N, C-alpha and C. Protein backbone atom coordinates (compact mmCIF):
# COMPACT_ATOMS: atom_id res chain seq x y z
N MET A 1 182.85 27.75 -39.70
CA MET A 1 182.64 27.61 -41.13
C MET A 1 183.36 26.35 -41.57
N ALA A 2 182.72 25.53 -42.34
CA ALA A 2 183.26 24.26 -42.79
C ALA A 2 184.16 24.45 -44.01
N SER A 3 184.10 23.54 -44.93
CA SER A 3 184.91 23.56 -46.14
C SER A 3 184.59 24.76 -47.02
N ILE A 4 185.58 25.21 -47.78
CA ILE A 4 185.39 26.33 -48.70
C ILE A 4 184.64 25.89 -49.95
N LYS A 5 184.52 24.59 -50.16
CA LYS A 5 183.78 24.09 -51.32
C LYS A 5 182.32 24.53 -51.24
N ASN A 6 181.72 24.68 -52.40
CA ASN A 6 180.31 25.05 -52.49
C ASN A 6 180.01 26.40 -51.85
N ARG A 7 180.90 27.35 -52.09
CA ARG A 7 180.73 28.70 -51.58
C ARG A 7 180.79 29.69 -52.74
N ILE A 8 180.16 30.84 -52.56
CA ILE A 8 180.23 31.94 -53.52
C ILE A 8 180.86 33.12 -52.79
N LEU A 9 181.92 33.69 -53.39
CA LEU A 9 182.54 34.89 -52.86
C LEU A 9 182.10 36.06 -53.72
N THR A 10 181.49 37.07 -53.11
CA THR A 10 181.07 38.26 -53.85
C THR A 10 182.01 39.41 -53.50
N LEU A 11 182.33 40.22 -54.50
CA LEU A 11 183.16 41.40 -54.32
C LEU A 11 182.46 42.59 -54.93
N ASN A 12 182.47 43.71 -54.23
CA ASN A 12 181.86 44.94 -54.71
C ASN A 12 182.87 46.06 -54.48
N GLY A 13 183.50 46.54 -55.55
CA GLY A 13 184.55 47.52 -55.42
C GLY A 13 184.11 48.93 -55.77
N GLY A 14 184.59 49.88 -55.00
CA GLY A 14 184.37 51.29 -55.27
C GLY A 14 185.72 51.97 -55.46
N SER A 15 185.72 53.28 -55.47
CA SER A 15 186.97 54.01 -55.71
C SER A 15 187.96 53.87 -54.57
N SER A 16 187.51 53.71 -53.34
CA SER A 16 188.44 53.57 -52.22
C SER A 16 187.99 52.51 -51.22
N SER A 17 187.12 51.60 -51.66
CA SER A 17 186.67 50.54 -50.75
C SER A 17 186.32 49.28 -51.52
N ILE A 18 186.38 48.16 -50.82
CA ILE A 18 185.96 46.87 -51.36
C ILE A 18 185.09 46.21 -50.31
N LYS A 19 183.89 45.81 -50.70
CA LYS A 19 183.01 45.03 -49.83
C LYS A 19 183.05 43.59 -50.32
N PHE A 20 182.95 42.65 -49.38
CA PHE A 20 182.97 41.25 -49.76
C PHE A 20 182.05 40.45 -48.86
N ALA A 21 181.62 39.30 -49.38
CA ALA A 21 180.78 38.39 -48.59
C ALA A 21 181.00 36.97 -49.10
N LEU A 22 180.89 36.02 -48.20
CA LEU A 22 181.01 34.60 -48.54
C LEU A 22 179.69 33.92 -48.23
N PHE A 23 179.13 33.23 -49.22
CA PHE A 23 177.84 32.58 -49.09
C PHE A 23 177.98 31.07 -49.27
N ALA A 24 177.21 30.30 -48.51
CA ALA A 24 177.05 28.87 -48.75
C ALA A 24 176.01 28.72 -49.85
N LEU A 25 176.25 27.81 -50.79
CA LEU A 25 175.29 27.60 -51.87
C LEU A 25 173.97 27.11 -51.31
N GLY A 26 172.90 27.52 -51.92
CA GLY A 26 171.56 27.12 -51.52
C GLY A 26 170.56 28.06 -52.13
N ASN A 27 169.30 27.78 -51.93
CA ASN A 27 168.26 28.64 -52.45
C ASN A 27 167.37 29.08 -51.29
N PRO A 28 167.60 30.26 -50.73
CA PRO A 28 168.57 31.27 -51.14
C PRO A 28 169.95 30.97 -50.57
N PRO A 29 171.01 31.54 -51.17
CA PRO A 29 172.35 31.40 -50.59
C PRO A 29 172.37 32.00 -49.19
N LYS A 30 173.15 31.38 -48.26
CA LYS A 30 173.20 31.86 -46.87
C LYS A 30 174.54 32.55 -46.63
N ARG A 31 174.47 33.84 -46.26
CA ARG A 31 175.70 34.59 -46.00
C ARG A 31 176.33 34.10 -44.71
N GLU A 32 177.62 33.74 -44.78
CA GLU A 32 178.35 33.25 -43.62
C GLU A 32 179.35 34.26 -43.07
N LEU A 33 179.85 35.12 -43.96
CA LEU A 33 180.91 36.03 -43.60
C LEU A 33 180.81 37.26 -44.49
N HIS A 34 181.09 38.42 -43.95
CA HIS A 34 181.09 39.63 -44.77
C HIS A 34 182.05 40.65 -44.19
N GLY A 35 182.39 41.64 -44.99
CA GLY A 35 183.27 42.67 -44.49
C GLY A 35 183.59 43.69 -45.56
N GLN A 36 184.52 44.57 -45.21
CA GLN A 36 184.93 45.58 -46.17
C GLN A 36 186.31 46.12 -45.82
N ILE A 37 186.98 46.61 -46.84
CA ILE A 37 188.23 47.35 -46.70
C ILE A 37 187.87 48.77 -47.09
N SER A 38 188.12 49.71 -46.20
CA SER A 38 187.73 51.11 -46.43
C SER A 38 188.97 52.00 -46.48
N ARG A 39 188.82 53.12 -47.17
CA ARG A 39 189.85 54.15 -47.27
C ARG A 39 191.14 53.61 -47.89
N ILE A 40 191.00 52.80 -48.94
CA ILE A 40 192.16 52.24 -49.64
C ILE A 40 192.96 53.39 -50.24
N GLY A 41 194.26 53.38 -50.03
CA GLY A 41 195.13 54.42 -50.56
C GLY A 41 195.16 55.68 -49.73
N GLN A 42 194.48 55.68 -48.60
CA GLN A 42 194.44 56.86 -47.73
C GLN A 42 195.00 56.48 -46.37
N THR A 43 195.16 57.46 -45.51
CA THR A 43 195.59 57.14 -44.15
C THR A 43 194.41 56.46 -43.44
N ASN A 44 194.71 55.69 -42.43
CA ASN A 44 193.69 55.00 -41.63
C ASN A 44 192.87 53.99 -42.43
N THR A 45 193.52 53.28 -43.36
CA THR A 45 192.82 52.21 -44.06
C THR A 45 192.34 51.20 -43.02
N SER A 46 191.12 50.69 -43.19
CA SER A 46 190.59 49.74 -42.21
C SER A 46 190.02 48.51 -42.88
N LEU A 47 190.09 47.40 -42.16
CA LEU A 47 189.54 46.12 -42.59
C LEU A 47 188.53 45.68 -41.55
N LEU A 48 187.33 45.36 -41.99
CA LEU A 48 186.28 44.85 -41.11
C LEU A 48 185.84 43.50 -41.63
N VAL A 49 185.82 42.50 -40.77
CA VAL A 49 185.32 41.18 -41.12
C VAL A 49 184.38 40.74 -40.01
N ALA A 50 183.21 40.23 -40.37
CA ALA A 50 182.24 39.79 -39.37
C ALA A 50 181.52 38.54 -39.88
N ASP A 51 181.15 37.67 -38.96
CA ASP A 51 180.29 36.56 -39.36
C ASP A 51 178.88 36.92 -38.97
N GLU A 52 177.95 36.08 -39.28
CA GLU A 52 176.54 36.43 -39.07
C GLU A 52 176.13 36.46 -37.60
N SER A 53 176.98 36.00 -36.69
CA SER A 53 176.64 36.05 -35.27
C SER A 53 177.03 37.38 -34.63
N ASP A 54 177.73 38.26 -35.36
CA ASP A 54 178.21 39.51 -34.78
C ASP A 54 177.13 40.56 -34.60
N ALA A 55 175.99 40.39 -35.17
CA ALA A 55 174.85 41.30 -35.04
C ALA A 55 175.18 42.73 -35.44
N GLY A 56 176.21 42.92 -36.23
CA GLY A 56 176.50 44.22 -36.80
C GLY A 56 177.28 45.20 -35.95
N VAL A 57 177.49 44.94 -34.66
CA VAL A 57 178.23 45.88 -33.81
C VAL A 57 179.72 45.64 -34.00
N ILE A 58 180.44 46.70 -34.41
CA ILE A 58 181.88 46.56 -34.65
C ILE A 58 182.72 47.41 -33.71
N SER A 59 182.10 48.19 -32.85
CA SER A 59 182.85 48.99 -31.88
C SER A 59 183.11 48.15 -30.63
N THR A 60 183.99 48.66 -29.77
CA THR A 60 184.30 47.97 -28.52
C THR A 60 183.71 48.75 -27.35
N ASN A 61 183.81 48.17 -26.16
CA ASN A 61 183.30 48.84 -24.97
C ASN A 61 184.03 50.15 -24.68
N THR A 62 185.27 50.28 -25.15
CA THR A 62 186.05 51.50 -24.90
C THR A 62 185.91 52.53 -26.02
N SER A 63 185.16 52.23 -27.05
CA SER A 63 184.96 53.17 -28.15
C SER A 63 184.14 54.37 -27.68
N ARG A 64 184.43 55.53 -28.25
CA ARG A 64 183.69 56.75 -27.89
C ARG A 64 182.27 56.73 -28.44
N VAL A 65 182.06 56.02 -29.53
CA VAL A 65 180.72 55.90 -30.12
C VAL A 65 180.47 54.44 -30.46
N MET A 66 179.20 54.04 -30.52
CA MET A 66 178.88 52.69 -30.96
C MET A 66 178.79 52.70 -32.48
N VAL A 67 179.46 51.76 -33.11
CA VAL A 67 179.46 51.67 -34.57
C VAL A 67 178.83 50.33 -34.96
N GLN A 68 177.89 50.38 -35.89
CA GLN A 68 177.22 49.18 -36.38
C GLN A 68 177.30 49.14 -37.89
N VAL A 69 177.35 47.92 -38.43
CA VAL A 69 177.27 47.71 -39.87
C VAL A 69 175.82 47.38 -40.20
N ILE A 70 175.26 48.11 -41.14
CA ILE A 70 173.90 47.84 -41.59
C ILE A 70 174.02 47.14 -42.94
N PRO A 71 173.76 45.84 -43.00
CA PRO A 71 173.95 45.11 -44.25
C PRO A 71 172.95 45.54 -45.33
N THR A 72 173.42 45.47 -46.56
CA THR A 72 172.55 45.75 -47.70
C THR A 72 172.29 44.44 -48.43
N ASP A 73 171.43 44.47 -49.40
CA ASP A 73 171.09 43.27 -50.15
C ASP A 73 171.96 43.07 -51.39
N GLU A 74 172.94 43.95 -51.64
CA GLU A 74 173.76 43.82 -52.84
C GLU A 74 174.44 42.45 -52.93
N GLU A 75 175.08 42.04 -51.83
CA GLU A 75 175.80 40.78 -51.84
C GLU A 75 174.84 39.60 -52.01
N GLN A 76 173.68 39.66 -51.37
CA GLN A 76 172.68 38.58 -51.50
C GLN A 76 172.19 38.49 -52.94
N MET A 77 171.96 39.63 -53.58
CA MET A 77 171.50 39.63 -54.97
C MET A 77 172.56 39.00 -55.89
N ILE A 78 173.82 39.36 -55.68
CA ILE A 78 174.90 38.79 -56.49
C ILE A 78 174.98 37.28 -56.26
N ALA A 79 174.92 36.85 -55.01
CA ALA A 79 175.02 35.42 -54.70
C ALA A 79 173.85 34.64 -55.30
N ARG A 80 172.65 35.19 -55.23
CA ARG A 80 171.49 34.51 -55.84
C ARG A 80 171.65 34.38 -57.34
N THR A 81 172.13 35.44 -57.99
CA THR A 81 172.33 35.41 -59.44
C THR A 81 173.35 34.35 -59.80
N VAL A 82 174.47 34.30 -59.07
CA VAL A 82 175.49 33.28 -59.34
C VAL A 82 174.93 31.89 -59.11
N TRP A 83 174.17 31.70 -58.04
CA TRP A 83 173.59 30.38 -57.75
C TRP A 83 172.68 29.95 -58.90
N HIS A 84 171.85 30.86 -59.39
CA HIS A 84 170.97 30.53 -60.51
C HIS A 84 171.76 30.18 -61.76
N LEU A 85 172.84 30.91 -62.01
CA LEU A 85 173.67 30.61 -63.18
C LEU A 85 174.36 29.26 -63.05
N LEU A 86 174.84 28.95 -61.85
CA LEU A 86 175.54 27.68 -61.64
C LEU A 86 174.60 26.47 -61.74
N THR A 87 173.37 26.66 -61.35
CA THR A 87 172.43 25.53 -61.33
C THR A 87 171.50 25.55 -62.54
N ASN A 88 171.73 26.50 -63.47
CA ASN A 88 170.88 26.66 -64.65
C ASN A 88 169.42 26.80 -64.27
N ASN A 89 169.17 27.42 -63.13
CA ASN A 89 167.83 27.63 -62.61
C ASN A 89 167.21 28.83 -63.33
N LYS A 90 166.03 28.69 -63.83
CA LYS A 90 165.37 29.75 -64.61
C LYS A 90 164.39 30.56 -63.78
N GLU A 91 164.40 30.43 -62.45
CA GLU A 91 163.45 31.15 -61.59
C GLU A 91 163.61 32.63 -61.69
């Protein structure tokens, strides 16, 4: 990932989790990094960070189960809206 300039950071907070994504500006914005903090305020709080080359698999070879992240479009929608606002684009 290059310079932090020209990037959009999206945050989506819930009662015990925060999802985040970093997008490069463009039409459409390109997601470069995403992740989440889960179980905030509880035992076993976890932090997951992945770039777009990770293909969603977050478990290891020694894990008892395979765990994958299935991305949603929430972050992309937020990034597109911000991009349109920043560029005064009326599309």
